[in-house]
Amino acid sequence: MTNNEGWGWPEAAKKAHYFSGPFSLCRAWMYAGHREQGNDDSPDNCKTCRRLLAKKEKSA
């Protein structure tokens, strides 16, 4: 993971999304704010982002 990856909470989002670069893994959001590492299993995280992150980590 690079420092521009992690969980972020865009202002209008109901859930936190995982960002790799400016776009969320689910491709629903753009975000340039603070990103948090870890906490991947939080119920507040986007389910699609969690699933895609697990797939990404498995292939790495």
PDB file of N, CA and C in Angstrom:
ATOM      1  N   MET A   1       0.831  -1.184   0.000  1.00  0.00           N
ATOM      2  CA  MET A   1       0.000   0.000   0.000  1.00  0.00           C
ATOM      3  C   MET A   1       0.874   1.245   0.000  1.00  0.00           C
ATOM      4  N   THR A   2       0.447   2.203  -0.750  1.00  0.00           N
ATOM      5  CA  THR A   2       1.164   3.468  -0.775  1.00  0.00           C
ATOM      6  C   THR A   2       0.451   4.463   0.124  1.00  0.00           C
ATOM      7  N   ASN A   3       1.060   5.619   0.314  1.00  0.00           N
ATOM      8  CA  ASN A   3       0.455   6.615   1.194  1.00  0.00           C
ATOM      9  C   ASN A   3      -0.763   7.285   0.579  1.00  0.00           C
ATOM     10  N   ASN A   4      -1.061   7.037  -0.694  1.00  0.00           N
ATOM     11  CA  ASN A   4      -2.280   7.595  -1.278  1.00  0.00           C
ATOM     12  C   ASN A   4      -3.381   6.544  -1.342  1.00  0.00           C
ATOM     13  N   GLU A   5      -3.238   5.471  -0.564  1.00  0.00           N
ATOM     14  CA  GLU A   5      -4.265   4.446  -0.459  1.00  0.00           C
ATOM     15  C   GLU A   5      -4.789   4.406   0.963  1.00  0.00           C
ATOM     16  N   GLY A   6      -6.041   4.058   1.104  1.00  0.00           N
ATOM     17  CA  GLY A   6      -6.623   3.891   2.426  1.00  0.00           C
ATOM     18  C   GLY A   6      -8.102   4.236   2.420  1.00  0.00           C
ATOM     19  N   TRP A   7      -8.694   4.118   3.596  1.00  0.00           N
ATOM     20  CA  TRP A   7     -10.115   4.396   3.759  1.00  0.00           C
ATOM     21  C   TRP A   7     -10.328   5.892   3.957  1.00  0.00           C
ATOM     22  N   GLY A   8     -11.266   6.425   3.212  1.00  0.00           N
ATOM     23  CA  GLY A   8     -11.622   7.832   3.331  1.00  0.00           C
ATOM     24  C   GLY A   8     -13.128   7.968   3.422  1.00  0.00           C
ATOM     25  N   TRP A   9     -13.564   9.079   3.949  1.00  0.00           N
ATOM     26  CA  TRP A   9     -14.992   9.309   4.137  1.00  0.00           C
ATOM     27  C   TRP A   9     -15.376  10.610   3.447  1.00  0.00           C
ATOM     28  N   PRO A  10     -15.725  10.536   2.152  1.00  0.00           N
ATOM     29  CA  PRO A  10     -16.158  11.753   1.453  1.00  0.00           C
ATOM     30  C   PRO A  10     -17.350  12.392   2.172  1.00  0.00           C
ATOM     31  N   GLU A  11     -17.451  13.685   2.078  1.00  0.00           N
ATOM     32  CA  GLU A  11     -18.430  14.443   2.852  1.00  0.00           C
ATOM     33  C   GLU A  11     -19.867  13.948   2.701  1.00  0.00           C
ATOM     34  N   ALA A  12     -20.308  13.627   1.514  1.00  0.00           N
ATOM     35  CA  ALA A  12     -21.696  13.230   1.295  1.00  0.00           C
ATOM     36  C   ALA A  12     -21.909  11.716   1.353  1.00  0.00           C
ATOM     37  N   ALA A  13     -20.868  10.953   1.614  1.00  0.00           N
ATOM     38  CA  ALA A  13     -20.970   9.491   1.609  1.00  0.00           C
ATOM     39  C   ALA A  13     -21.587   8.977   2.907  1.00  0.00           C
ATOM     40  N   LYS A  14     -22.357   7.906   2.792  1.00  0.00           N
ATOM     41  CA  LYS A  14     -22.944   7.265   3.964  1.00  0.00           C
ATOM     42  C   LYS A  14     -21.992   6.241   4.567  1.00  0.00           C
ATOM     43  N   LYS A  15     -21.025   5.786   3.776  1.00  0.00           N
ATOM     44  CA  LYS A  15     -20.047   4.786   4.207  1.00  0.00           C
ATOM     45  C   LYS A  15     -18.646   5.266   3.863  1.00  0.00           C
ATOM     46  N   ALA A  16     -17.647   4.688   4.535  1.00  0.00           N
ATOM     47  CA  ALA A  16     -16.251   4.950   4.181  1.00  0.00           C
ATOM     48  C   ALA A  16     -15.925   4.126   2.941  1.00  0.00           C
ATOM     49  N   HIS A  17     -15.075   4.649   2.086  1.00  0.00           N
ATOM     50  CA  HIS A  17     -14.680   3.970   0.851  1.00  0.00           C
ATOM     51  C   HIS A  17     -13.168   3.844   0.816  1.00  0.00           C
ATOM     52  N   TYR A  18     -12.678   2.794   0.146  1.00  0.00           N
ATOM     53  CA  TYR A  18     -11.237   2.590   0.026  1.00  0.00           C
ATOM     54  C   TYR A  18     -10.762   3.257  -1.254  1.00  0.00           C
ATOM     55  N   PHE A  19      -9.744   4.114  -1.120  1.00  0.00           N
ATOM     56  CA  PHE A  19      -9.227   4.874  -2.249  1.00  0.00           C
ATOM     57  C   PHE A  19      -7.828   4.427  -2.602  1.00  0.00           C
ATOM     58  N   SER A  20      -7.626   4.227  -3.886  1.00  0.00           N
ATOM     59  CA  SER A  20      -6.312   3.951  -4.457  1.00  0.00           C
ATOM     60  C   SER A  20      -6.122   5.013  -5.521  1.00  0.00           C
ATOM     61  N   GLY A  21      -5.409   6.075  -5.174  1.00  0.00           N
ATOM     62  CA  GLY A  21      -5.369   7.245  -6.037  1.00  0.00           C
ATOM     63  C   GLY A  21      -6.603   8.080  -5.752  1.00  0.00           C
ATOM     64  N   PRO A  22      -7.091   8.819  -6.721  1.00  0.00           N
ATOM     65  CA  PRO A  22      -8.227   9.704  -6.462  1.00  0.00           C
ATOM     66  C   PRO A  22      -9.582   9.002  -6.452  1.00  0.00           C
ATOM     67  N   PHE A  23      -9.659   7.765  -6.952  1.00  0.00           N
ATOM     68  CA  PHE A  23     -10.941   7.070  -7.083  1.00  0.00           C
ATOM     69  C   PHE A  23     -11.089   5.938  -6.076  1.00  0.00           C
ATOM     70  N   SER A  24     -12.330   5.726  -5.613  1.00  0.00           N
ATOM     71  CA  SER A  24     -12.606   4.593  -4.735  1.00  0.00           C
ATOM     72  C   SER A  24     -12.572   3.310  -5.559  1.00  0.00           C
ATOM     73  N   LEU A  25     -12.325   2.189  -4.891  1.00  0.00           N
ATOM     74  CA  LEU A  25     -12.290   0.910  -5.604  1.00  0.00           C
ATOM     75  C   LEU A  25     -13.632   0.601  -6.255  1.00  0.00           C
ATOM     76  N   CYS A  26     -14.734   1.048  -5.646  1.00  0.00           N
ATOM     77  CA  CYS A  26     -16.055   0.807  -6.227  1.00  0.00           C
ATOM     78  C   CYS A  26     -16.374   1.789  -7.351  1.00  0.00           C
ATOM     79  N   ARG A  27     -15.473   2.750  -7.573  1.00  0.00           N
ATOM     80  CA  ARG A  27     -15.600   3.765  -8.634  1.00  0.00           C
ATOM     81  C   ARG A  27     -16.788   4.705  -8.451  1.00  0.00           C
ATOM     82  N   ALA A  28     -17.322   4.788  -7.234  1.00  0.00           N
ATOM     83  CA  ALA A  28     -18.458   5.668  -6.988  1.00  0.00           C
ATOM     84  C   ALA A  28     -18.034   7.063  -6.521  1.00  0.00           C
ATOM     85  N   TRP A  29     -16.775   7.208  -6.034  1.00  0.00           N
ATOM     86  CA  TRP A  29     -16.348   8.462  -5.421  1.00  0.00           C
ATOM     87  C   TRP A  29     -14.958   8.874  -5.853  1.00  0.00           C
ATOM     88  N   MET A  30     -14.742  10.194  -5.860  1.00  0.00           N
ATOM     89  CA  MET A  30     -13.404  10.796  -5.955  1.00  0.00           C
ATOM     90  C   MET A  30     -13.162  11.470  -4.615  1.00  0.00           C
ATOM     91  N   TYR A  31     -11.891  11.433  -4.158  1.00  0.00           N
ATOM     92  CA  TYR A  31     -11.593  11.980  -2.836  1.00  0.00           C
ATOM     93  C   TYR A  31     -10.119  12.313  -2.757  1.00  0.00           C
ATOM     94  N   ALA A  32      -9.803  13.452  -2.153  1.00  0.00           N
ATOM     95  CA  ALA A  32      -8.405  13.854  -2.006  1.00  0.00           C
ATOM     96  C   ALA A  32      -8.052  14.138  -0.552  1.00  0.00           C
ATOM     97  N   GLY A  33      -8.933  13.769   0.372  1.00  0.00           N
ATOM     98  CA  GLY A  33      -8.704  14.064   1.783  1.00  0.00           C
ATOM     99  C   GLY A  33      -7.890  13.001   2.503  1.00  0.00           C
ATOM    100  N   HIS A  34      -7.952  13.048   3.835  1.00  0.00           N
ATOM    101  CA  HIS A  34      -7.210  12.134   4.708  1.00  0.00           C
ATOM    102  C   HIS A  34      -7.673  10.686   4.497  1.00  0.00           C
ATOM    103  N   ARG A  35      -6.705   9.774   4.489  1.00  0.00           N
ATOM    104  CA  ARG A  35      -6.994   8.349   4.341  1.00  0.00           C
ATOM    105  C   ARG A  35      -6.433   7.583   5.517  1.00  0.00           C
ATOM    106  N   GLU A  36      -7.190   6.625   5.985  1.00  0.00           N
ATOM    107  CA  GLU A  36      -6.827   5.830   7.153  1.00  0.00           C
ATOM    108  C   GLU A  36      -6.430   4.426   6.711  1.00  0.00           C
ATOM    109  N   GLN A  37      -5.342   3.921   7.261  1.00  0.00           N
ATOM    110  CA  GLN A  37      -4.903   2.558   6.972  1.00  0.00           C
ATOM    111  C   GLN A  37      -5.513   1.614   8.001  1.00  0.00           C
ATOM    112  N   GLY A  38      -5.751   0.375   7.585  1.00  0.00           N
ATOM    113  CA  GLY A  38      -6.296  -0.623   8.504  1.00  0.00           C
ATOM    114  C   GLY A  38      -7.795  -0.478   8.655  1.00  0.00           C
ATOM    115  N   ASN A  39      -8.348  -1.107   9.697  1.00  0.00           N
ATOM    116  CA  ASN A  39      -9.784  -1.052   9.971  1.00  0.00           C
ATOM    117  C   ASN A  39     -10.598  -1.537   8.775  1.00  0.00           C
ATOM    118  N   ASP A  40     -10.081  -2.557   8.078  1.00  0.00           N
ATOM    119  CA  ASP A  40     -10.709  -3.032   6.844  1.00  0.00           C
ATOM    120  C   ASP A  40     -12.056  -3.716   7.064  1.00  0.00           C
ATOM    121  N   ASP A  41     -12.328  -4.208   8.263  1.00  0.00           N
ATOM    122  CA  ASP A  41     -13.557  -4.964   8.515  1.00  0.00           C
ATOM    123  C   ASP A  41     -14.638  -4.160   9.226  1.00  0.00           C
ATOM    124  N   SER A  42     -14.502  -2.855   9.264  1.00  0.00           N
ATOM    125  CA  SER A  42     -15.490  -2.016   9.936  1.00  0.00           C
ATOM    126  C   SER A  42     -16.842  -2.104   9.225  1.00  0.00           C
ATOM    127  N   PRO A  43     -17.934  -2.164   9.984  1.00  0.00           N
ATOM    128  CA  PRO A  43     -19.262  -2.166   9.353  1.00  0.00           C
ATOM    129  C   PRO A  43     -19.589  -0.837   8.667  1.00  0.00           C
ATOM    130  N   ASP A  44     -18.783   0.194   8.929  1.00  0.00           N
ATOM    131  CA  ASP A  44     -18.992   1.499   8.300  1.00  0.00           C
ATOM    132  C   ASP A  44     -18.368   1.587   6.916  1.00  0.00           C
ATOM    133  N   ASN A  45     -17.661   0.548   6.483  1.00  0.00           N
ATOM    134  CA  ASN A  45     -17.000   0.557   5.179  1.00  0.00           C
ATOM    135  C   ASN A  45     -17.938   0.069   4.082  1.00  0.00           C
ATOM    136  N   CYS A  46     -17.748   0.594   2.901  1.00  0.00           N
ATOM    137  CA  CYS A  46     -18.490   0.179   1.709  1.00  0.00           C
ATOM    138  C   CYS A  46     -18.225  -1.309   1.453  1.00  0.00           C
ATOM    139  N   LYS A  47     -19.285  -2.091   1.284  1.00  0.00           N
ATOM    140  CA  LYS A  47     -19.134  -3.535   1.071  1.00  0.00           C
ATOM    141  C   LYS A  47     -18.417  -3.845  -0.235  1.00  0.00           C
ATOM    142  N   THR A  48     -18.689  -3.086  -1.265  1.00  0.00           N
ATOM    143  CA  THR A  48     -18.034  -3.316  -2.557  1.00  0.00           C
ATOM    144  C   THR A  48     -16.543  -3.026  -2.452  1.00  0.00           C
ATOM    145  N   CYS A  49     -16.185  -1.935  -1.789  1.00  0.00           N
ATOM    146  CA  CYS A  49     -14.763  -1.613  -1.602  1.00  0.00           C
ATOM    147  C   CYS A  49     -14.071  -2.690  -0.776  1.00  0.00           C
ATOM    148  N   ARG A  50     -14.731  -3.197   0.271  1.00  0.00           N
ATOM    149  CA  ARG A  50     -14.136  -4.259   1.093  1.00  0.00           C
ATOM    150  C   ARG A  50     -13.880  -5.505   0.261  1.00  0.00           C
ATOM    151  N   ARG A  51     -14.857  -5.888  -0.553  1.00  0.00           N
ATOM    152  CA  ARG A  51     -14.719  -7.079  -1.395  1.00  0.00           C
ATOM    153  C   ARG A  51     -13.591  -6.902  -2.404  1.00  0.00           C
ATOM    154  N   LEU A  52     -13.535  -5.748  -3.064  1.00  0.00           N
ATOM    155  CA  LEU A  52     -12.493  -5.500  -4.063  1.00  0.00           C
ATOM    156  C   LEU A  52     -11.108  -5.375  -3.423  1.00  0.00           C
ATOM    157  N   LEU A  53     -11.034  -4.826  -2.209  1.00  0.00           N
ATOM    158  CA  LEU A  53      -9.754  -4.742  -1.506  1.00  0.00           C
ATOM    159  C   LEU A  53      -9.247  -6.141  -1.155  1.00  0.00           C
ATOM    160  N   ALA A  54     -10.138  -7.014  -0.688  1.00  0.00           N
ATOM    161  CA  ALA A  54      -9.736  -8.388  -0.357  1.00  0.00           C
ATOM    162  C   ALA A  54      -9.228  -9.102  -1.600  1.00  0.00           C
ATOM    163  N   LYS A  55      -9.894  -8.892  -2.720  1.00  0.00           N
ATOM    164  CA  LYS A  55      -9.467  -9.502  -3.985  1.00  0.00           C
ATOM    165  C   LYS A  55      -8.103  -8.952  -4.412  1.00  0.00           C
ATOM    166  N   LYS A  56      -7.905  -7.642  -4.250  1.00  0.00           N
ATOM    167  CA  LYS A  56      -6.638  -6.995  -4.609  1.00  0.00           C
ATOM    168  C   LYS A  56      -5.494  -7.518  -3.740  1.00  0.00           C
ATOM    169  N   GLU A  57      -5.730  -7.658  -2.442  1.00  0.00           N
ATOM    170  CA  GLU A  57      -4.695  -8.142  -1.526  1.00  0.00           C
ATOM    171  C   GLU A  57      -4.373  -9.611  -1.776  1.00  0.00           C
ATOM    172  N   LYS A  58      -5.378 -10.382  -2.155  1.00  0.00           N
ATOM    173  CA  LYS A  58      -5.174 -11.809  -2.435  1.00  0.00           C
ATOM    174  C   LYS A  58      -4.292 -12.009  -3.664  1.00  0.00           C
ATOM    175  N   SER A  59      -4.456 -11.152  -4.658  1.00  0.00           N
ATOM    176  CA  SER A  59      -3.679 -11.286  -5.898  1.00  0.00           C
ATOM    177  C   SER A  59      -2.278 -10.694  -5.777  1.00  0.00           C
ATOM    178  N   ALA A  60      -2.028  -9.919  -4.726  1.00  0.00           N
ATOM    179  CA  ALA A  60      -0.709  -9.276  -4.556  1.00  0.00           C
ATOM    180  C   ALA A  60       0.333 -10.230  -4.014  1.00  0.00           C
TER     181      ALA A  60
END
